[in-house]
Amino acid sequence: MAHRKILVGLTLSATLGFLAAYVPGQAARADGKPAAAPAAAPTCKLHGKKCCDPAVAAHLPKAAVYKACGESDATYLGEDGSEKETCKYFFKVGSEKEDDTYVQVYAPVQKTVLEEPNDPFFSYKKVGKVYMTEKAKSPKSAPMLAAQTGLYMPAKGYSVTVNASVKVCTKAETKKLAPEIK
């Protein structure tokens, strides 16, 4: 009788050990490492590899782009925050290529921040606290200025640069976007 209790106990112990070692998510794996957690669902509407860093997106919220540029949830394709310190919002604009219909926010942390843009390709004019691209300095940079409008805002310890496709945000709309930069 005692042998039978020991045998039942060993069998039960072996079964529980097997379940603990091999049933995912129930306990640690047999090699002692914790079981992998399932991948978390994205917290944004993705149009790239990962959501924007909230700290970068806070410099120009999507709602500000909607308001200034006349966009909405209906035209919003999603965001891409896969580049360091960058958030790119994409929009559907007619039959235009999605890669050309964006508003990009770049907000690097910097020790020394330029008080105004020092750009070899464009001249800027001041619009409130923000600088806005005005003219191309060479014929080679003119097509880029025709395709997007740039904004630059210096701040303490960082700067914010916004590039808005004119297909999403006209130059007049981008001027309305400038005061929304934080």
C-alpha atoms as a PDB file:
ATOM      1  CA  MET A   1       0.000   0.000   0.000  1.00  0.00           C
ATOM      2  CA  ALA A   2       2.816   2.391   0.849  1.00  0.00           C
ATOM      3  CA  HIS A   3       4.500   1.653  -2.482  1.00  0.00           C
ATOM      4  CA  ARG A   4       1.277   2.418  -4.294  1.00  0.00           C
ATOM      5  CA  LYS A   5       1.007   5.883  -2.590  1.00  0.00           C
ATOM      6  CA  ILE A   6       4.598   6.666  -3.484  1.00  0.00           C
ATOM      7  CA  LEU A   7       4.021   5.606  -7.108  1.00  0.00           C
ATOM      8  CA  VAL A   8       0.854   7.746  -7.372  1.00  0.00           C
ATOM      9  CA  GLY A   9       2.700  10.671  -5.790  1.00  0.00           C
ATOM     10  CA  LEU A  10       5.632  10.330  -8.216  1.00  0.00           C
ATOM     11  CA  THR A  11       3.292  10.076 -11.197  1.00  0.00           C
ATOM     12  CA  LEU A  12       1.355  13.146 -10.081  1.00  0.00           C
ATOM     13  CA  SER A  13       4.600  15.045  -9.440  1.00  0.00           C
ATOM     14  CA  ALA A  14       5.962  14.104 -12.880  1.00  0.00           C
ATOM     15  CA  THR A  15       2.716  15.158 -14.574  1.00  0.00           C
ATOM     16  CA  LEU A  16       2.653  18.540 -12.807  1.00  0.00           C
ATOM     17  CA  GLY A  17       6.341  19.072 -13.584  1.00  0.00           C
ATOM     18  CA  PHE A  18       5.689  18.327 -17.252  1.00  0.00           C
ATOM     19  CA  LEU A  19       2.779  20.768 -17.368  1.00  0.00           C
ATOM     20  CA  ALA A  20       4.764  23.486 -15.614  1.00  0.00           C
ATOM     21  CA  ALA A  21       7.705  23.035 -17.962  1.00  0.00           C
ATOM     22  CA  TYR A  22       5.948  22.698 -21.312  1.00  0.00           C
ATOM     23  CA  VAL A  23       2.572  24.382 -21.266  1.00  0.00           C
ATOM     24  CA  PRO A  24       3.172  27.965 -22.499  1.00  0.00           C
ATOM     25  CA  GLY A  25       2.185  30.840 -20.271  1.00  0.00           C
ATOM     26  CA  GLN A  26       1.525  28.612 -17.256  1.00  0.00           C
ATOM     27  CA  ALA A  27       4.928  28.797 -15.586  1.00  0.00           C
ATOM     28  CA  ALA A  28       8.628  29.035 -16.296  1.00  0.00           C
ATOM     29  CA  ARG A  29      10.123  27.086 -19.189  1.00  0.00           C
ATOM     30  CA  ALA A  30      12.219  23.971 -18.538  1.00  0.00           C
ATOM     31  CA  ASP A  31      15.428  26.000 -19.042  1.00  0.00           C
ATOM     32  CA  GLY A  32      14.441  28.247 -16.123  1.00  0.00           C
ATOM     33  CA  LYS A  33      13.601  31.300 -18.265  1.00  0.00           C
ATOM     34  CA  PRO A  34      10.125  32.829 -17.957  1.00  0.00           C
ATOM     35  CA  ALA A  35       7.645  32.051 -20.688  1.00  0.00           C
ATOM     36  CA  ALA A  36       7.534  34.752 -23.386  1.00  0.00           C
ATOM     37  CA  ALA A  37       4.637  37.156 -23.113  1.00  0.00           C
ATOM     38  CA  PRO A  38       2.491  37.538 -26.208  1.00  0.00           C
ATOM     39  CA  ALA A  39       3.347  40.588 -28.341  1.00  0.00           C
ATOM     40  CA  ALA A  40       1.403  43.656 -27.279  1.00  0.00           C
ATOM     41  CA  ALA A  41      -1.001  45.136 -29.777  1.00  0.00           C
ATOM     42  CA  PRO A  42       0.039  48.559 -31.089  1.00  0.00           C
ATOM     43  CA  THR A  43      -1.522  51.523 -29.309  1.00  0.00           C
ATOM     44  CA  CYS A  44      -1.782  53.566 -32.495  1.00  0.00           C
ATOM     45  CA  LYS A  45      -2.899  53.240 -36.080  1.00  0.00           C
ATOM     46  CA  LEU A  46       0.313  51.944 -37.659  1.00  0.00           C
ATOM     47  CA  HIS A  47       1.626  52.954 -41.055  1.00  0.00           C
ATOM     48  CA  GLY A  48       5.118  51.681 -40.402  1.00  0.00           C
ATOM     49  CA  LYS A  49       7.009  49.479 -38.008  1.00  0.00           C
ATOM     50  CA  LYS A  50       6.157  51.142 -34.701  1.00  0.00           C
ATOM     51  CA  CYS A  51       4.073  53.848 -33.080  1.00  0.00           C
ATOM     52  CA  CYS A  52       5.487  57.323 -32.569  1.00  0.00           C
ATOM     53  CA  ASP A  53       7.192  58.095 -29.293  1.00  0.00           C
ATOM     54  CA  PRO A  54       4.579  60.086 -27.322  1.00  0.00           C
ATOM     55  CA  ALA A  55       7.263  62.623 -26.336  1.00  0.00           C
ATOM     56  CA  VAL A  56       7.964  63.379 -30.021  1.00  0.00           C
ATOM     57  CA  ALA A  57       4.285  63.369 -31.066  1.00  0.00           C
ATOM     58  CA  ALA A  58       3.507  65.831 -28.248  1.00  0.00           C
ATOM     59  CA  HIS A  59       5.471  68.522 -30.113  1.00  0.00           C
ATOM     60  CA  LEU A  60       2.826  68.472 -32.863  1.00  0.00           C
ATOM     61  CA  PRO A  61      -0.229  66.363 -32.028  1.00  0.00           C
ATOM     62  CA  LYS A  62      -2.183  64.691 -34.810  1.00  0.00           C
ATOM     63  CA  ALA A  63      -5.261  66.735 -33.808  1.00  0.00           C
ATOM     64  CA  ALA A  64      -3.361  69.953 -34.603  1.00  0.00           C
ATOM     65  CA  VAL A  65      -2.572  68.616 -38.079  1.00  0.00           C
ATOM     66  CA  TYR A  66      -6.254  67.715 -38.562  1.00  0.00           C
ATOM     67  CA  LYS A  67      -7.328  71.222 -37.553  1.00  0.00           C
ATOM     68  CA  ALA A  68      -4.756  73.249 -39.523  1.00  0.00           C
ATOM     69  CA  CYS A  69      -4.560  71.082 -42.638  1.00  0.00           C
ATOM     70  CA  GLY A  70      -8.204  70.058 -42.977  1.00  0.00           C
ATOM     71  CA  GLU A  71      -7.550  66.356 -42.407  1.00  0.00           C
ATOM     72  CA  SER A  72      -9.570  63.844 -40.358  1.00  0.00           C
ATOM     73  CA  ASP A  73      -9.761  60.245 -39.178  1.00  0.00           C
ATOM     74  CA  ALA A  74     -11.266  59.456 -42.593  1.00  0.00           C
ATOM     75  CA  THR A  75      -8.066  60.507 -44.424  1.00  0.00           C
ATOM     76  CA  TYR A  76      -5.587  59.463 -41.735  1.00  0.00           C
ATOM     77  CA  LEU A  77      -3.626  56.355 -42.764  1.00  0.00           C
ATOM     78  CA  GLY A  78      -1.507  56.029 -39.632  1.00  0.00           C
ATOM     79  CA  GLU A  79       1.830  56.915 -38.098  1.00  0.00           C
ATOM     80  CA  ASP A  80       5.395  55.720 -38.250  1.00  0.00           C
ATOM     81  CA  GLY A  81       7.818  56.304 -35.395  1.00  0.00           C
ATOM     82  CA  SER A  82      10.517  53.886 -36.500  1.00  0.00           C
ATOM     83  CA  GLU A  83      13.154  56.601 -37.029  1.00  0.00           C
ATOM     84  CA  LYS A  84      14.830  57.991 -33.896  1.00  0.00           C
ATOM     85  CA  GLU A  85      13.189  61.175 -32.548  1.00  0.00           C
ATOM     86  CA  THR A  86      10.828  61.288 -35.557  1.00  0.00           C
ATOM     87  CA  CYS A  87       7.085  60.906 -35.955  1.00  0.00           C
ATOM     88  CA  LYS A  88       5.512  60.771 -39.399  1.00  0.00           C
ATOM     89  CA  TYR A  89       1.736  61.074 -39.903  1.00  0.00           C
ATOM     90  CA  PHE A  90       0.429  59.722 -43.242  1.00  0.00           C
ATOM     91  CA  PHE A  91      -2.783  60.746 -45.024  1.00  0.00           C
ATOM     92  CA  LYS A  92      -4.785  59.561 -48.029  1.00  0.00           C
ATOM     93  CA  VAL A  93      -4.906  62.324 -50.635  1.00  0.00           C
ATOM     94  CA  GLY A  94      -6.668  61.284 -53.844  1.00  0.00           C
ATOM     95  CA  SER A  95      -4.524  58.984 -55.942  1.00  0.00           C
ATOM     96  CA  GLU A  96      -1.233  60.366 -54.597  1.00  0.00           C
ATOM     97  CA  LYS A  97       1.468  57.948 -53.415  1.00  0.00           C
ATOM     98  CA  GLU A  98       1.268  57.419 -49.638  1.00  0.00           C
ATOM     99  CA  ASP A  99       4.999  58.104 -49.292  1.00  0.00           C
ATOM    100  CA  ASP A 100       4.346  61.671 -50.519  1.00  0.00           C
ATOM    101  CA  THR A 101       1.393  62.522 -48.246  1.00  0.00           C
ATOM    102  CA  TYR A 102       2.758  63.086 -44.751  1.00  0.00           C
ATOM    103  CA  VAL A 103       3.539  65.531 -41.990  1.00  0.00           C
ATOM    104  CA  GLN A 104       6.831  64.701 -40.272  1.00  0.00           C
ATOM    105  CA  VAL A 105       7.912  65.877 -36.832  1.00  0.00           C
ATOM    106  CA  TYR A 106      11.573  65.653 -35.808  1.00  0.00           C
ATOM    107  CA  ALA A 107      12.474  66.673 -32.250  1.00  0.00           C
ATOM    108  CA  PRO A 108      16.059  65.827 -31.271  1.00  0.00           C
ATOM    109  CA  VAL A 109      17.453  66.527 -27.821  1.00  0.00           C
ATOM    110  CA  GLN A 110      20.445  68.854 -28.236  1.00  0.00           C
ATOM    111  CA  LYS A 111      23.070  70.443 -26.028  1.00  0.00           C
ATOM    112  CA  THR A 112      23.384  73.454 -28.328  1.00  0.00           C
ATOM    113  CA  VAL A 113      20.281  74.603 -30.193  1.00  0.00           C
ATOM    114  CA  LEU A 114      20.502  77.015 -33.130  1.00  0.00           C
ATOM    115  CA  GLU A 115      18.376  80.105 -32.505  1.00  0.00           C
ATOM    116  CA  GLU A 116      17.410  80.124 -36.192  1.00  0.00           C
ATOM    117  CA  PRO A 117      17.890  77.657 -39.049  1.00  0.00           C
ATOM    118  CA  ASN A 118      21.306  77.609 -40.698  1.00  0.00           C
ATOM    119  CA  ASP A 119      20.233  75.850 -43.882  1.00  0.00           C
ATOM    120  CA  PRO A 120      22.403  75.923 -47.032  1.00  0.00           C
ATOM    121  CA  PHE A 121      19.405  75.091 -49.268  1.00  0.00           C
ATOM    122  CA  PHE A 122      16.575  77.358 -48.049  1.00  0.00           C
ATOM    123  CA  SER A 123      15.968  80.788 -46.592  1.00  0.00           C
ATOM    124  CA  TYR A 124      13.395  81.129 -43.811  1.00  0.00           C
ATOM    125  CA  LYS A 125      11.024  83.789 -42.512  1.00  0.00           C
ATOM    126  CA  LYS A 126       9.833  84.068 -38.944  1.00  0.00           C
ATOM    127  CA  VAL A 127       6.177  83.267 -38.229  1.00  0.00           C
ATOM    128  CA  GLY A 128       5.616  83.911 -34.515  1.00  0.00           C
ATOM    129  CA  LYS A 129       8.096  81.729 -32.597  1.00  0.00           C
ATOM    130  CA  VAL A 130       8.664  79.442 -35.607  1.00  0.00           C
ATOM    131  CA  TYR A 131      10.725  79.797 -38.778  1.00  0.00           C
ATOM    132  CA  MET A 132       9.106  78.761 -42.079  1.00  0.00           C
ATOM    133  CA  THR A 133      10.848  77.949 -45.369  1.00  0.00           C
ATOM    134  CA  GLU A 134      10.462  80.836 -47.788  1.00  0.00           C
ATOM    135  CA  LYS A 135      12.799  80.480 -50.783  1.00  0.00           C
ATOM    136  CA  ALA A 136      15.104  77.918 -52.304  1.00  0.00           C
ATOM    137  CA  LYS A 137      18.727  79.095 -52.408  1.00  0.00           C
ATOM    138  CA  SER A 138      19.478  77.120 -55.558  1.00  0.00           C
ATOM    139  CA  PRO A 139      17.564  75.743 -58.549  1.00  0.00           C
ATOM    140  CA  LYS A 140      18.372  72.196 -57.364  1.00  0.00           C
ATOM    141  CA  SER A 141      16.537  72.705 -54.049  1.00  0.00           C
ATOM    142  CA  ALA A 142      13.489  74.394 -55.640  1.00  0.00           C
ATOM    143  CA  PRO A 143      11.635  71.096 -56.356  1.00  0.00           C
ATOM    144  CA  MET A 144      11.960  70.074 -52.697  1.00  0.00           C
ATOM    145  CA  LEU A 145      10.486  73.404 -51.570  1.00  0.00           C
ATOM    146  CA  ALA A 146       7.665  72.984 -54.081  1.00  0.00           C
ATOM    147  CA  ALA A 147       6.849  69.557 -52.573  1.00  0.00           C
ATOM    148  CA  GLN A 148       6.998  70.377 -48.856  1.00  0.00           C
ATOM    149  CA  THR A 149       7.042  73.231 -46.395  1.00  0.00           C
ATOM    150  CA  GLY A 150       9.506  73.245 -43.533  1.00  0.00           C
ATOM    151  CA  LEU A 151       9.088  74.683 -40.054  1.00  0.00           C
ATOM    152  CA  TYR A 152      11.778  75.080 -37.375  1.00  0.00           C
ATOM    153  CA  MET A 153      11.335  76.008 -33.730  1.00  0.00           C
ATOM    154  CA  PRO A 154      14.238  76.336 -31.282  1.00  0.00           C
ATOM    155  CA  ALA A 155      13.638  75.497 -27.631  1.00  0.00           C
ATOM    156  CA  LYS A 156      15.702  74.878 -24.510  1.00  0.00           C
ATOM    157  CA  GLY A 157      17.524  71.556 -24.922  1.00  0.00           C
ATOM    158  CA  TYR A 158      15.790  70.565 -28.155  1.00  0.00           C
ATOM    159  CA  SER A 159      14.503  71.865 -31.469  1.00  0.00           C
ATOM    160  CA  VAL A 160      11.469  70.854 -33.511  1.00  0.00           C
ATOM    161  CA  THR A 161      11.520  70.550 -37.287  1.00  0.00           C
ATOM    162  CA  VAL A 162       8.330  69.855 -39.229  1.00  0.00           C
ATOM    163  CA  ASN A 163       8.205  68.924 -42.902  1.00  0.00           C
ATOM    164  CA  ALA A 164       4.696  68.994 -44.327  1.00  0.00           C
ATOM    165  CA  SER A 165       3.893  67.700 -47.788  1.00  0.00           C
ATOM    166  CA  VAL A 166       2.012  70.386 -49.735  1.00  0.00           C
ATOM    167  CA  LYS A 167      -0.350  67.597 -50.837  1.00  0.00           C
ATOM    168  CA  VAL A 168      -1.521  67.331 -47.212  1.00  0.00           C
ATOM    169  CA  CYS A 169      -0.934  70.845 -45.932  1.00  0.00           C
ATOM    170  CA  THR A 170      -0.734  73.819 -48.308  1.00  0.00           C
ATOM    171  CA  LYS A 171       1.749  76.566 -47.498  1.00  0.00           C
ATOM    172  CA  ALA A 172      -1.097  78.683 -46.051  1.00  0.00           C
ATOM    173  CA  GLU A 173      -2.274  75.738 -43.911  1.00  0.00           C
ATOM    174  CA  THR A 174       1.292  75.052 -42.762  1.00  0.00           C
ATOM    175  CA  LYS A 175       1.472  78.669 -41.602  1.00  0.00           C
ATOM    176  CA  LYS A 176      -1.588  77.871 -39.393  1.00  0.00           C
ATOM    177  CA  LEU A 177       0.245  74.778 -38.149  1.00  0.00           C
ATOM    178  CA  ALA A 178       3.259  76.792 -36.947  1.00  0.00           C
ATOM    179  CA  PRO A 179       1.677  78.109 -33.689  1.00  0.00           C
ATOM    180  CA  GLU A 180       0.670  74.534 -32.743  1.00  0.00           C
ATOM    181  CA  ILE A 181       4.289  73.388 -32.410  1.00  0.00           C
ATOM    182  CA  LYS A 182       5.361  72.904 -28.787  1.00  0.00           C
END
